[in-house]
Amino acid sequence: MTDRSNGTEEPAGSGTLKEEAGGGGTGSKKNLLYHDSQLVQGLYAIILLIVLIATLQLYLAIQDVINRWFSYEYIPIFTSLYFILVIAAGVYLIWLRITHR
């Protein structure tokens, strides 16, 4: 092995016990990064699930508000406008996702 600080040769196996056992080498750092990325992906999945549940509840609450605030003659009109708005927002988000990849 070559000591990079002064260029001298060291005999093989002269590393610390921690490095030789894999505790401090680059392999363990890669393993740690792999577990960290799995943890982050798991947290993203949990947050996404919570956001989806909240979105569904908001969707249903807005429908309830439409039913309470507007006269029964106008409910289909406002419900249709609301559905069109939801579809337009969904299409826009999908378009953003596809174009920015």
C-alpha atoms as a PDB file:
ATOM      1  CA  MET A   1       0.000   0.000   0.000  1.00  0.00           C
ATOM      2  CA  THR A   2       1.193   3.517  -0.638  1.00  0.00           C
ATOM      3  CA  ASP A   3       0.781   6.166   2.033  1.00  0.00           C
ATOM      4  CA  ARG A   4      -0.615   9.085   0.073  1.00  0.00           C
ATOM      5  CA  SER A   5       0.567  11.687   2.540  1.00  0.00           C
ATOM      6  CA  ASN A   6       4.285  10.999   2.089  1.00  0.00           C
ATOM      7  CA  GLY A   7       4.504   8.411  -0.743  1.00  0.00           C
ATOM      8  CA  THR A   8       6.089   5.626   1.316  1.00  0.00           C
ATOM      9  CA  GLU A   9       5.237   1.949   0.951  1.00  0.00           C
ATOM     10  CA  GLU A  10       3.491   0.131   3.770  1.00  0.00           C
ATOM     11  CA  PRO A  11       3.308  -3.643   4.044  1.00  0.00           C
ATOM     12  CA  ALA A  12       0.023  -5.285   3.175  1.00  0.00           C
ATOM     13  CA  GLY A  13      -2.143  -5.791   6.219  1.00  0.00           C
ATOM     14  CA  SER A  14      -0.743  -2.768   8.027  1.00  0.00           C
ATOM     15  CA  GLY A  15      -4.134  -1.069   8.052  1.00  0.00           C
ATOM     16  CA  THR A  16      -6.098  -0.766  11.231  1.00  0.00           C
ATOM     17  CA  LEU A  17      -8.147  -3.670  12.472  1.00  0.00           C
ATOM     18  CA  LYS A  18     -11.317  -1.677  11.817  1.00  0.00           C
ATOM     19  CA  GLU A  19     -10.391  -1.148   8.166  1.00  0.00           C
ATOM     20  CA  GLU A  20      -9.342  -4.775   7.653  1.00  0.00           C
ATOM     21  CA  ALA A  21     -12.578  -6.069   9.190  1.00  0.00           C
ATOM     22  CA  GLY A  22     -14.629  -3.901   6.868  1.00  0.00           C
ATOM     23  CA  GLY A  23     -15.776  -1.553   9.603  1.00  0.00           C
ATOM     24  CA  GLY A  24     -14.198   1.576   8.203  1.00  0.00           C
ATOM     25  CA  GLY A  25     -13.569   0.760   4.561  1.00  0.00           C
ATOM     26  CA  THR A  26     -15.432   2.070   1.573  1.00  0.00           C
ATOM     27  CA  GLY A  27     -17.558  -1.093   1.397  1.00  0.00           C
ATOM     28  CA  SER A  28     -19.210  -0.312   4.708  1.00  0.00           C
ATOM     29  CA  LYS A  29     -19.784   3.296   3.616  1.00  0.00           C
ATOM     30  CA  LYS A  30     -21.530   2.055   0.479  1.00  0.00           C
ATOM     31  CA  ASN A  31     -23.600  -0.320   2.595  1.00  0.00           C
ATOM     32  CA  LEU A  32     -24.526   2.518   4.951  1.00  0.00           C
ATOM     33  CA  LEU A  33     -25.483   4.756   2.023  1.00  0.00           C
ATOM     34  CA  TYR A  34     -27.601   1.926   0.612  1.00  0.00           C
ATOM     35  CA  HIS A  35     -29.483   1.573   3.902  1.00  0.00           C
ATOM     36  CA  ASP A  36     -29.885   5.349   4.153  1.00  0.00           C
ATOM     37  CA  SER A  37     -31.364   5.475   0.665  1.00  0.00           C
ATOM     38  CA  GLN A  38     -33.769   2.665   1.572  1.00  0.00           C
ATOM     39  CA  LEU A  39     -34.789   4.591   4.687  1.00  0.00           C
ATOM     40  CA  VAL A  40     -35.372   7.759   2.670  1.00  0.00           C
ATOM     41  CA  GLN A  41     -37.406   5.843   0.072  1.00  0.00           C
ATOM     42  CA  GLY A  42     -39.490   4.303   2.854  1.00  0.00           C
ATOM     43  CA  LEU A  43     -40.122   7.721   4.385  1.00  0.00           C
ATOM     44  CA  TYR A  44     -41.119   9.088   0.969  1.00  0.00           C
ATOM     45  CA  ALA A  45     -43.577   6.208   0.556  1.00  0.00           C
ATOM     46  CA  ILE A  46     -45.141   6.862   3.976  1.00  0.00           C
ATOM     47  CA  ILE A  47     -45.411  10.601   3.300  1.00  0.00           C
ATOM     48  CA  LEU A  48     -46.933   9.910  -0.127  1.00  0.00           C
ATOM     49  CA  LEU A  49     -49.542   7.637   1.447  1.00  0.00           C
ATOM     50  CA  ILE A  50     -50.442  10.306   4.024  1.00  0.00           C
ATOM     51  CA  VAL A  51     -50.718  12.948   1.292  1.00  0.00           C
ATOM     52  CA  LEU A  52     -52.962  10.685  -0.799  1.00  0.00           C
ATOM     53  CA  ILE A  53     -55.277  10.087   2.161  1.00  0.00           C
ATOM     54  CA  ALA A  54     -55.428  13.823   2.900  1.00  0.00           C
ATOM     55  CA  THR A  55     -56.134  14.560  -0.766  1.00  0.00           C
ATOM     56  CA  LEU A  56     -59.009  12.073  -0.821  1.00  0.00           C
ATOM     57  CA  GLN A  57     -60.472  13.606   2.342  1.00  0.00           C
ATOM     58  CA  LEU A  58     -60.184  17.096   0.865  1.00  0.00           C
ATOM     59  CA  TYR A  59     -61.849  15.902  -2.325  1.00  0.00           C
ATOM     60  CA  LEU A  60     -64.793  14.488  -0.373  1.00  0.00           C
ATOM     61  CA  ALA A  61     -65.007  17.553   1.893  1.00  0.00           C
ATOM     62  CA  ILE A  62     -65.223  19.897  -1.103  1.00  0.00           C
ATOM     63  CA  GLN A  63     -68.060  17.811  -2.516  1.00  0.00           C
ATOM     64  CA  ASP A  64     -69.844  18.115   0.825  1.00  0.00           C
ATOM     65  CA  VAL A  65     -69.336  21.890   0.805  1.00  0.00           C
ATOM     66  CA  ILE A  66     -70.823  22.097  -2.697  1.00  0.00           C
ATOM     67  CA  ASN A  67     -73.852  20.116  -1.552  1.00  0.00           C
ATOM     68  CA  ARG A  68     -74.386  22.379   1.475  1.00  0.00           C
ATOM     69  CA  TRP A  69     -73.703  25.831   0.032  1.00  0.00           C
ATOM     70  CA  PHE A  70     -75.483  25.657  -3.308  1.00  0.00           C
ATOM     71  CA  SER A  71     -79.107  25.153  -4.197  1.00  0.00           C
ATOM     72  CA  TYR A  72     -80.000  21.703  -5.486  1.00  0.00           C
ATOM     73  CA  GLU A  73     -80.552  23.059  -9.013  1.00  0.00           C
ATOM     74  CA  TYR A  74     -76.934  24.256  -9.259  1.00  0.00           C
ATOM     75  CA  ILE A  75     -75.196  21.299  -7.593  1.00  0.00           C
ATOM     76  CA  PRO A  76     -74.578  19.401 -10.882  1.00  0.00           C
ATOM     77  CA  ILE A  77     -73.056  22.501 -12.478  1.00  0.00           C
ATOM     78  CA  PHE A  78     -70.640  23.201  -9.610  1.00  0.00           C
ATOM     79  CA  THR A  79     -69.831  19.516  -9.214  1.00  0.00           C
ATOM     80  CA  SER A  80     -68.982  19.295 -12.906  1.00  0.00           C
ATOM     81  CA  LEU A  81     -66.774  22.389 -12.699  1.00  0.00           C
ATOM     82  CA  TYR A  82     -65.031  20.919  -9.682  1.00  0.00           C
ATOM     83  CA  PHE A  83     -64.401  17.611 -11.483  1.00  0.00           C
ATOM     84  CA  ILE A  84     -63.048  19.456 -14.517  1.00  0.00           C
ATOM     85  CA  LEU A  85     -60.704  21.409 -12.258  1.00  0.00           C
ATOM     86  CA  VAL A  86     -59.480  18.198 -10.581  1.00  0.00           C
ATOM     87  CA  ILE A  87     -58.918  16.501 -13.955  1.00  0.00           C
ATOM     88  CA  ALA A  88     -57.072  19.561 -15.327  1.00  0.00           C
ATOM     89  CA  ALA A  89     -54.822  19.705 -12.259  1.00  0.00           C
ATOM     90  CA  GLY A  90     -54.074  15.977 -12.555  1.00  0.00           C
ATOM     91  CA  VAL A  91     -53.231  16.229 -16.246  1.00  0.00           C
ATOM     92  CA  TYR A  92     -51.020  19.260 -15.563  1.00  0.00           C
ATOM     93  CA  LEU A  93     -49.092  17.415 -12.820  1.00  0.00           C
ATOM     94  CA  ILE A  94     -48.586  14.390 -15.078  1.00  0.00           C
ATOM     95  CA  TRP A  95     -47.439  16.668 -17.900  1.00  0.00           C
ATOM     96  CA  LEU A  96     -44.919  18.339 -15.566  1.00  0.00           C
ATOM     97  CA  ARG A  97     -43.616  14.957 -14.441  1.00  0.00           C
ATOM     98  CA  ILE A  98     -43.188  13.688 -18.012  1.00  0.00           C
ATOM     99  CA  THR A  99     -41.567  16.826 -19.428  1.00  0.00           C
ATOM    100  CA  HIS A 100     -39.084  17.361 -16.596  1.00  0.00           C
ATOM    101  CA  ARG A 101     -37.604  13.863 -16.607  1.00  0.00           C
END
